[in-house]
Amino acid sequence: MSSPPTPILETLDARGLLCPLPVIRTQDTITNLAPGTLLDVLATDPGTLHDIPAWCRVHGHEVVETEREGRDIRIRVKVVAT
């Protein structure tokens, strides 16, 4: 019996970008990723904490985890459909 494959993890560095650029870059990156891939979006714009999860709900992707430490934000998105 084999274990499930480890998901591929990609990183998008959107630190220093302001709305709507982190969402646009997330969308552009996800269009090139296979379903099941995890994407870590790194950002500093606090609006991404709302904008990226909202974008994911509309486009059928899943926010797996959100983390904030000081100005740094990490949002892990699971690509469900492209």
PDB file of N, CA and C in Angstrom:
ATOM      1  N   MET A   1       0.850  -1.176   0.000  1.00  0.00           N
ATOM      2  CA  MET A   1       0.000   0.000   0.000  1.00  0.00           C
ATOM      3  C   MET A   1       0.894   1.237   0.000  1.00  0.00           C
ATOM      4  N   SER A   2       0.700   2.112  -0.955  1.00  0.00           N
ATOM      5  CA  SER A   2       1.539   3.306  -1.038  1.00  0.00           C
ATOM      6  C   SER A   2       0.842   4.498  -0.392  1.00  0.00           C
ATOM      7  N   SER A   3       1.648   5.431   0.089  1.00  0.00           N
ATOM      8  CA  SER A   3       1.081   6.633   0.698  1.00  0.00           C
ATOM      9  C   SER A   3       0.738   7.637  -0.405  1.00  0.00           C
ATOM     10  N   PRO A   4      -0.184   8.561  -0.107  1.00  0.00           N
ATOM     11  CA  PRO A   4      -0.555   9.539  -1.128  1.00  0.00           C
ATOM     12  C   PRO A   4       0.644  10.407  -1.487  1.00  0.00           C
ATOM     13  N   PRO A   5       0.700  10.865  -2.740  1.00  0.00           N
ATOM     14  CA  PRO A   5       1.841  11.680  -3.138  1.00  0.00           C
ATOM     15  C   PRO A   5       1.888  13.002  -2.373  1.00  0.00           C
ATOM     16  N   THR A   6       3.094  13.476  -2.115  1.00  0.00           N
ATOM     17  CA  THR A   6       3.269  14.764  -1.453  1.00  0.00           C
ATOM     18  C   THR A   6       2.927  15.862  -2.449  1.00  0.00           C
ATOM     19  N   PRO A   7       2.061  16.803  -2.057  1.00  0.00           N
ATOM     20  CA  PRO A   7       1.701  17.867  -2.997  1.00  0.00           C
ATOM     21  C   PRO A   7       2.915  18.740  -3.338  1.00  0.00           C
ATOM     22  N   ILE A   8       2.914  19.234  -4.557  1.00  0.00           N
ATOM     23  CA  ILE A   8       3.958  20.164  -4.987  1.00  0.00           C
ATOM     24  C   ILE A   8       3.699  21.500  -4.304  1.00  0.00           C
ATOM     25  N   LEU A   9       4.758  22.143  -3.826  1.00  0.00           N
ATOM     26  CA  LEU A   9       4.630  23.439  -3.173  1.00  0.00           C
ATOM     27  C   LEU A   9       5.352  24.494  -3.996  1.00  0.00           C
ATOM     28  N   GLU A  10       4.625  25.502  -4.407  1.00  0.00           N
ATOM     29  CA  GLU A  10       5.173  26.633  -5.149  1.00  0.00           C
ATOM     30  C   GLU A  10       5.061  27.877  -4.269  1.00  0.00           C
ATOM     31  N   THR A  11       5.866  28.883  -4.548  1.00  0.00           N
ATOM     32  CA  THR A  11       5.828  30.124  -3.783  1.00  0.00           C
ATOM     33  C   THR A  11       5.712  31.309  -4.726  1.00  0.00           C
ATOM     34  N   LEU A  12       4.826  32.236  -4.378  1.00  0.00           N
ATOM     35  CA  LEU A  12       4.671  33.496  -5.093  1.00  0.00           C
ATOM     36  C   LEU A  12       5.030  34.610  -4.118  1.00  0.00           C
ATOM     37  N   ASP A  13       6.046  35.387  -4.439  1.00  0.00           N
ATOM     38  CA  ASP A  13       6.467  36.486  -3.579  1.00  0.00           C
ATOM     39  C   ASP A  13       5.815  37.773  -4.076  1.00  0.00           C
ATOM     40  N   ALA A  14       4.766  38.205  -3.382  1.00  0.00           N
ATOM     41  CA  ALA A  14       4.053  39.436  -3.728  1.00  0.00           C
ATOM     42  C   ALA A  14       4.277  40.500  -2.660  1.00  0.00           C
ATOM     43  N   ARG A  15       5.326  40.345  -1.871  1.00  0.00           N
ATOM     44  CA  ARG A  15       5.631  41.332  -0.827  1.00  0.00           C
ATOM     45  C   ARG A  15       5.970  42.668  -1.480  1.00  0.00           C
ATOM     46  N   GLY A  16       5.435  43.732  -0.887  1.00  0.00           N
ATOM     47  CA  GLY A  16       5.673  45.069  -1.400  1.00  0.00           C
ATOM     48  C   GLY A  16       4.681  45.507  -2.461  1.00  0.00           C
ATOM     49  N   LEU A  17       3.848  44.588  -2.944  1.00  0.00           N
ATOM     50  CA  LEU A  17       2.840  44.927  -3.943  1.00  0.00           C
ATOM     51  C   LEU A  17       1.537  45.311  -3.256  1.00  0.00           C
ATOM     52  N   LEU A  18       0.842  46.270  -3.819  1.00  0.00           N
ATOM     53  CA  LEU A  18      -0.434  46.714  -3.268  1.00  0.00           C
ATOM     54  C   LEU A  18      -1.582  46.221  -4.137  1.00  0.00           C
ATOM     55  N   CYS A  19      -2.769  46.179  -3.532  1.00  0.00           N
ATOM     56  CA  CYS A  19      -3.982  45.750  -4.202  1.00  0.00           C
ATOM     57  C   CYS A  19      -4.148  46.527  -5.502  1.00  0.00           C
ATOM     58  N   PRO A  20      -4.504  45.876  -6.557  1.00  0.00           N
ATOM     59  CA  PRO A  20      -4.920  44.474  -6.708  1.00  0.00           C
ATOM     60  C   PRO A  20      -3.807  43.539  -7.165  1.00  0.00           C
ATOM     61  N   LEU A  21      -2.555  44.001  -7.184  1.00  0.00           N
ATOM     62  CA  LEU A  21      -1.479  43.187  -7.758  1.00  0.00           C
ATOM     63  C   LEU A  21      -1.279  41.814  -7.112  1.00  0.00           C
ATOM     64  N   PRO A  22      -1.345  41.662  -5.772  1.00  0.00           N
ATOM     65  CA  PRO A  22      -1.184  40.303  -5.230  1.00  0.00           C
ATOM     66  C   PRO A  22      -2.239  39.316  -5.758  1.00  0.00           C
ATOM     67  N   VAL A  23      -3.460  39.774  -5.933  1.00  0.00           N
ATOM     68  CA  VAL A  23      -4.521  38.893  -6.445  1.00  0.00           C
ATOM     69  C   VAL A  23      -4.271  38.581  -7.922  1.00  0.00           C
ATOM     70  N   ILE A  24      -3.886  39.581  -8.682  1.00  0.00           N
ATOM     71  CA  ILE A  24      -3.616  39.370 -10.114  1.00  0.00           C
ATOM     72  C   ILE A  24      -2.459  38.394 -10.292  1.00  0.00           C
ATOM     73  N   ARG A  25      -1.405  38.574  -9.511  1.00  0.00           N
ATOM     74  CA  ARG A  25      -0.252  37.663  -9.617  1.00  0.00           C
ATOM     75  C   ARG A  25      -0.624  36.254  -9.165  1.00  0.00           C
ATOM     76  N   THR A  26      -1.483  36.154  -8.146  1.00  0.00           N
ATOM     77  CA  THR A  26      -1.954  34.837  -7.703  1.00  0.00           C
ATOM     78  C   THR A  26      -2.723  34.158  -8.827  1.00  0.00           C
ATOM     79  N   GLN A  27      -3.628  34.880  -9.448  1.00  0.00           N
ATOM     80  CA  GLN A  27      -4.423  34.328 -10.557  1.00  0.00           C
ATOM     81  C   GLN A  27      -3.515  33.890 -11.706  1.00  0.00           C
ATOM     82  N   ASP A  28      -2.568  34.735 -12.086  1.00  0.00           N
ATOM     83  CA  ASP A  28      -1.657  34.391 -13.180  1.00  0.00           C
ATOM     84  C   ASP A  28      -0.830  33.151 -12.857  1.00  0.00           C
ATOM     85  N   THR A  29      -0.390  33.028 -11.615  1.00  0.00           N
ATOM     86  CA  THR A  29       0.424  31.876 -11.217  1.00  0.00           C
ATOM     87  C   THR A  29      -0.403  30.600 -11.202  1.00  0.00           C
ATOM     88  N   ILE A  30      -1.601  30.669 -10.648  1.00  0.00           N
ATOM     89  CA  ILE A  30      -2.440  29.475 -10.522  1.00  0.00           C
ATOM     90  C   ILE A  30      -2.837  28.908 -11.881  1.00  0.00           C
ATOM     91  N   THR A  31      -2.981  29.760 -12.890  1.00  0.00           N
ATOM     92  CA  THR A  31      -3.366  29.242 -14.216  1.00  0.00           C
ATOM     93  C   THR A  31      -2.316  28.294 -14.782  1.00  0.00           C
ATOM     94  N   ASN A  32      -1.085  28.352 -14.268  1.00  0.00           N
ATOM     95  CA  ASN A  32      -0.011  27.485 -14.755  1.00  0.00           C
ATOM     96  C   ASN A  32       0.283  26.306 -13.831  1.00  0.00           C
ATOM     97  N   LEU A  33      -0.547  26.113 -12.799  1.00  0.00           N
ATOM     98  CA  LEU A  33      -0.307  25.041 -11.835  1.00  0.00           C
ATOM     99  C   LEU A  33      -1.338  23.924 -11.980  1.00  0.00           C
ATOM    100  N   ALA A  34      -0.910  22.716 -11.686  1.00  0.00           N
ATOM    101  CA  ALA A  34      -1.797  21.551 -11.747  1.00  0.00           C
ATOM    102  C   ALA A  34      -2.684  21.490 -10.510  1.00  0.00           C
ATOM    103  N   PRO A  35      -3.892  20.937 -10.659  1.00  0.00           N
ATOM    104  CA  PRO A  35      -4.742  20.731  -9.483  1.00  0.00           C
ATOM    105  C   PRO A  35      -3.992  19.909  -8.431  1.00  0.00           C
ATOM    106  N   GLY A  36      -4.189  20.300  -7.169  1.00  0.00           N
ATOM    107  CA  GLY A  36      -3.515  19.630  -6.057  1.00  0.00           C
ATOM    108  C   GLY A  36      -2.250  20.340  -5.607  1.00  0.00           C
ATOM    109  N   THR A  37      -1.735  21.237  -6.451  1.00  0.00           N
ATOM    110  CA  THR A  37      -0.535  21.992  -6.086  1.00  0.00           C
ATOM    111  C   THR A  37      -0.872  22.973  -4.972  1.00  0.00           C
ATOM    112  N   LEU A  38       0.060  23.154  -4.047  1.00  0.00           N
ATOM    113  CA  LEU A  38      -0.083  24.157  -3.002  1.00  0.00           C
ATOM    114  C   LEU A  38       0.725  25.382  -3.399  1.00  0.00           C
ATOM    115  N   LEU A  39       0.139  26.551  -3.237  1.00  0.00           N
ATOM    116  CA  LEU A  39       0.809  27.808  -3.547  1.00  0.00           C
ATOM    117  C   LEU A  39       0.870  28.659  -2.290  1.00  0.00           C
ATOM    118  N   ASP A  40       2.080  28.995  -1.867  1.00  0.00           N
ATOM    119  CA  ASP A  40       2.264  29.935  -0.767  1.00  0.00           C
ATOM    120  C   ASP A  40       2.380  31.334  -1.354  1.00  0.00           C
ATOM    121  N   VAL A  41       1.423  32.199  -1.022  1.00  0.00           N
ATOM    122  CA  VAL A  41       1.467  33.583  -1.453  1.00  0.00           C
ATOM    123  C   VAL A  41       2.040  34.392  -0.294  1.00  0.00           C
ATOM    124  N   LEU A  42       3.170  35.031  -0.525  1.00  0.00           N
ATOM    125  CA  LEU A  42       3.798  35.884   0.477  1.00  0.00           C
ATOM    126  C   LEU A  42       3.442  37.322   0.142  1.00  0.00           C
ATOM    127  N   ALA A  43       2.936  38.057   1.121  1.00  0.00           N
ATOM    128  CA  ALA A  43       2.481  39.423   0.865  1.00  0.00           C
ATOM    129  C   ALA A  43       2.709  40.286   2.099  1.00  0.00           C
ATOM    130  N   THR A  44       2.617  41.602   1.886  1.00  0.00           N
ATOM    131  CA  THR A  44       2.683  42.554   2.990  1.00  0.00           C
ATOM    132  C   THR A  44       1.453  43.453   3.026  1.00  0.00           C
ATOM    133  N   ASP A  45       0.646  43.439   1.977  1.00  0.00           N
ATOM    134  CA  ASP A  45      -0.578  44.248   1.924  1.00  0.00           C
ATOM    135  C   ASP A  45      -1.662  43.561   2.754  1.00  0.00           C
ATOM    136  N   PRO A  46      -2.126  44.205   3.843  1.00  0.00           N
ATOM    137  CA  PRO A  46      -3.130  43.553   4.694  1.00  0.00           C
ATOM    138  C   PRO A  46      -4.421  43.213   3.953  1.00  0.00           C
ATOM    139  N   GLY A  47      -4.698  43.880   2.852  1.00  0.00           N
ATOM    140  CA  GLY A  47      -5.899  43.583   2.076  1.00  0.00           C
ATOM    141  C   GLY A  47      -5.905  42.182   1.494  1.00  0.00           C
ATOM    142  N   THR A  48      -4.716  41.577   1.347  1.00  0.00           N
ATOM    143  CA  THR A  48      -4.664  40.223   0.801  1.00  0.00           C
ATOM    144  C   THR A  48      -5.333  39.212   1.723  1.00  0.00           C
ATOM    145  N   LEU A  49      -5.397  39.507   3.018  1.00  0.00           N
ATOM    146  CA  LEU A  49      -6.056  38.596   3.962  1.00  0.00           C
ATOM    147  C   LEU A  49      -7.534  38.429   3.652  1.00  0.00           C
ATOM    148  N   HIS A  50      -8.124  39.406   3.008  1.00  0.00           N
ATOM    149  CA  HIS A  50      -9.521  39.321   2.589  1.00  0.00           C
ATOM    150  C   HIS A  50      -9.616  38.991   1.097  1.00  0.00           C
ATOM    151  N   ASP A  51      -8.793  39.662   0.296  1.00  0.00           N
ATOM    152  CA  ASP A  51      -8.929  39.582  -1.159  1.00  0.00           C
ATOM    153  C   ASP A  51      -8.619  38.201  -1.730  1.00  0.00           C
ATOM    154  N   ILE A  52      -7.541  37.580  -1.290  1.00  0.00           N
ATOM    155  CA  ILE A  52      -7.175  36.278  -1.865  1.00  0.00           C
ATOM    156  C   ILE A  52      -8.167  35.189  -1.454  1.00  0.00           C
ATOM    157  N   PRO A  53      -8.587  35.096  -0.170  1.00  0.00           N
ATOM    158  CA  PRO A  53      -9.635  34.108   0.142  1.00  0.00           C
ATOM    159  C   PRO A  53     -10.933  34.347  -0.639  1.00  0.00           C
ATOM    160  N   ALA A  54     -11.318  35.615  -0.841  1.00  0.00           N
ATOM    161  CA  ALA A  54     -12.527  35.907  -1.614  1.00  0.00           C
ATOM    162  C   ALA A  54     -12.347  35.450  -3.055  1.00  0.00           C
ATOM    163  N   TRP A  55     -11.182  35.705  -3.635  1.00  0.00           N
ATOM    164  CA  TRP A  55     -10.900  35.280  -5.007  1.00  0.00           C
ATOM    165  C   TRP A  55     -10.950  33.755  -5.105  1.00  0.00           C
ATOM    166  N   CYS A  56     -10.399  33.070  -4.098  1.00  0.00           N
ATOM    167  CA  CYS A  56     -10.409  31.607  -4.095  1.00  0.00           C
ATOM    168  C   CYS A  56     -11.832  31.055  -4.056  1.00  0.00           C
ATOM    169  N   ARG A  57     -12.694  31.652  -3.234  1.00  0.00           N
ATOM    170  CA  ARG A  57     -14.092  31.193  -3.169  1.00  0.00           C
ATOM    171  C   ARG A  57     -14.773  31.323  -4.521  1.00  0.00           C
ATOM    172  N   VAL A  58     -14.553  32.414  -5.199  1.00  0.00           N
ATOM    173  CA  VAL A  58     -15.184  32.666  -6.494  1.00  0.00           C
ATOM    174  C   VAL A  58     -14.663  31.696  -7.556  1.00  0.00           C
ATOM    175  N   HIS A  59     -13.359  31.355  -7.484  1.00  0.00           N
ATOM    176  CA  HIS A  59     -12.733  30.558  -8.545  1.00  0.00           C
ATOM    177  C   HIS A  59     -12.547  29.087  -8.189  1.00  0.00           C
ATOM    178  N   GLY A  60     -13.038  28.673  -7.017  1.00  0.00           N
ATOM    179  CA  GLY A  60     -13.055  27.255  -6.685  1.00  0.00           C
ATOM    180  C   GLY A  60     -11.781  26.691  -6.085  1.00  0.00           C
ATOM    181  N   HIS A  61     -10.897  27.545  -5.597  1.00  0.00           N
ATOM    182  CA  HIS A  61      -9.675  27.069  -4.949  1.00  0.00           C
ATOM    183  C   HIS A  61      -9.872  27.085  -3.432  1.00  0.00           C
ATOM    184  N   GLU A  62      -8.961  26.470  -2.709  1.00  0.00           N
ATOM    185  CA  GLU A  62      -9.128  26.311  -1.265  1.00  0.00           C
ATOM    186  C   GLU A  62      -7.984  26.993  -0.506  1.00  0.00           C
ATOM    187  N   VAL A  63      -8.337  27.861   0.441  1.00  0.00           N
ATOM    188  CA  VAL A  63      -7.331  28.434   1.328  1.00  0.00           C
ATOM    189  C   VAL A  63      -7.083  27.417   2.433  1.00  0.00           C
ATOM    190  N   VAL A  64      -5.867  26.903   2.499  1.00  0.00           N
ATOM    191  CA  VAL A  64      -5.514  25.860   3.450  1.00  0.00           C
ATOM    192  C   VAL A  64      -5.069  26.464   4.774  1.00  0.00           C
ATOM    193  N   GLU A  65      -4.345  27.587   4.692  1.00  0.00           N
ATOM    194  CA  GLU A  65      -3.770  28.169   5.895  1.00  0.00           C
ATOM    195  C   GLU A  65      -3.465  29.643   5.646  1.00  0.00           C
ATOM    196  N   THR A  66      -3.640  30.446   6.682  1.00  0.00           N
ATOM    197  CA  THR A  66      -3.277  31.854   6.641  1.00  0.00           C
ATOM    198  C   THR A  66      -2.441  32.153   7.876  1.00  0.00           C
ATOM    199  N   GLU A  67      -1.343  32.857   7.665  1.00  0.00           N
ATOM    200  CA  GLU A  67      -0.440  33.165   8.775  1.00  0.00           C
ATOM    201  C   GLU A  67       0.023  34.609   8.642  1.00  0.00           C
ATOM    202  N   ARG A  68       0.059  35.323   9.757  1.00  0.00           N
ATOM    203  CA  ARG A  68       0.554  36.695   9.754  1.00  0.00           C
ATOM    204  C   ARG A  68       1.538  36.872  10.893  1.00  0.00           C
ATOM    205  N   GLU A  69       2.702  37.409  10.551  1.00  0.00           N
ATOM    206  CA  GLU A  69       3.732  37.683  11.556  1.00  0.00           C
ATOM    207  C   GLU A  69       4.287  39.080  11.255  1.00  0.00           C
ATOM    208  N   GLY A  70       3.887  40.041  12.077  1.00  0.00           N
ATOM    209  CA  GLY A  70       4.274  41.420  11.812  1.00  0.00           C
ATOM    210  C   GLY A  70       3.640  41.891  10.512  1.00  0.00           C
ATOM    211  N   ARG A  71       4.446  42.404   9.600  1.00  0.00           N
ATOM    212  CA  ARG A  71       3.936  42.846   8.293  1.00  0.00           C
ATOM    213  C   ARG A  71       3.805  41.695   7.311  1.00  0.00           C
ATOM    214  N   ASP A  72       4.482  40.579   7.574  1.00  0.00           N
ATOM    215  CA  ASP A  72       4.523  39.474   6.621  1.00  0.00           C
ATOM    216  C   ASP A  72       3.287  38.592   6.720  1.00  0.00           C
ATOM    217  N   ILE A  73       2.738  38.300   5.561  1.00  0.00           N
ATOM    218  CA  ILE A  73       1.531  37.477   5.454  1.00  0.00           C
ATOM    219  C   ILE A  73       1.858  36.298   4.540  1.00  0.00           C
ATOM    220  N   ARG A  74       1.391  35.105   4.938  1.00  0.00           N
ATOM    221  CA  ARG A  74       1.502  33.924   4.074  1.00  0.00           C
ATOM    222  C   ARG A  74       0.130  33.292   3.964  1.00  0.00           C
ATOM    223  N   ILE A  75      -0.324  33.115   2.743  1.00  0.00           N
ATOM    224  CA  ILE A  75      -1.605  32.460   2.492  1.00  0.00           C
ATOM    225  C   ILE A  75      -1.317  31.238   1.628  1.00  0.00           C
ATOM    226  N   ARG A  76      -1.646  30.062   2.154  1.00  0.00           N
ATOM    227  CA  ARG A  76      -1.430  28.817   1.398  1.00  0.00           C
ATOM    228  C   ARG A  76      -2.731  28.444   0.699  1.00  0.00           C
ATOM    229  N   VAL A  77      -2.643  28.314  -0.612  1.00  0.00           N
ATOM    230  CA  VAL A  77      -3.806  28.026  -1.449  1.00  0.00           C
ATOM    231  C   VAL A  77      -3.603  26.661  -2.098  1.00  0.00           C
ATOM    232  N   LYS A  78      -4.639  25.843  -2.059  1.00  0.00           N
ATOM    233  CA  LYS A  78      -4.616  24.569  -2.790  1.00  0.00           C
ATOM    234  C   LYS A  78      -5.355  24.781  -4.099  1.00  0.00           C
ATOM    235  N   VAL A  79      -4.660  24.487  -5.185  1.00  0.00           N
ATOM    236  CA  VAL A  79      -5.251  24.617  -6.514  1.00  0.00           C
ATOM    237  C   VAL A  79      -6.227  23.460  -6.697  1.00  0.00           C
ATOM    238  N   VAL A  80      -7.496  23.789  -6.898  1.00  0.00           N
ATOM    239  CA  VAL A  80      -8.512  22.752  -7.057  1.00  0.00           C
ATOM    240  C   VAL A  80      -8.866  22.573  -8.529  1.00  0.00           C
ATOM    241  N   ALA A  81      -9.013  23.655  -9.239  1.00  0.00           N
ATOM    242  CA  ALA A  81      -9.353  23.611 -10.657  1.00  0.00           C
ATOM    243  C   ALA A  81      -8.678  24.782 -11.342  1.00  0.00           C
ATOM    244  N   THR A  82      -8.332  24.605 -12.604  1.00  0.00           N
ATOM    245  CA  THR A  82      -7.726  25.730 -13.341  1.00  0.00           C
ATOM    246  C   THR A  82      -8.550  26.080 -14.557  1.00  0.00           C
TER     247      THR A  82
END
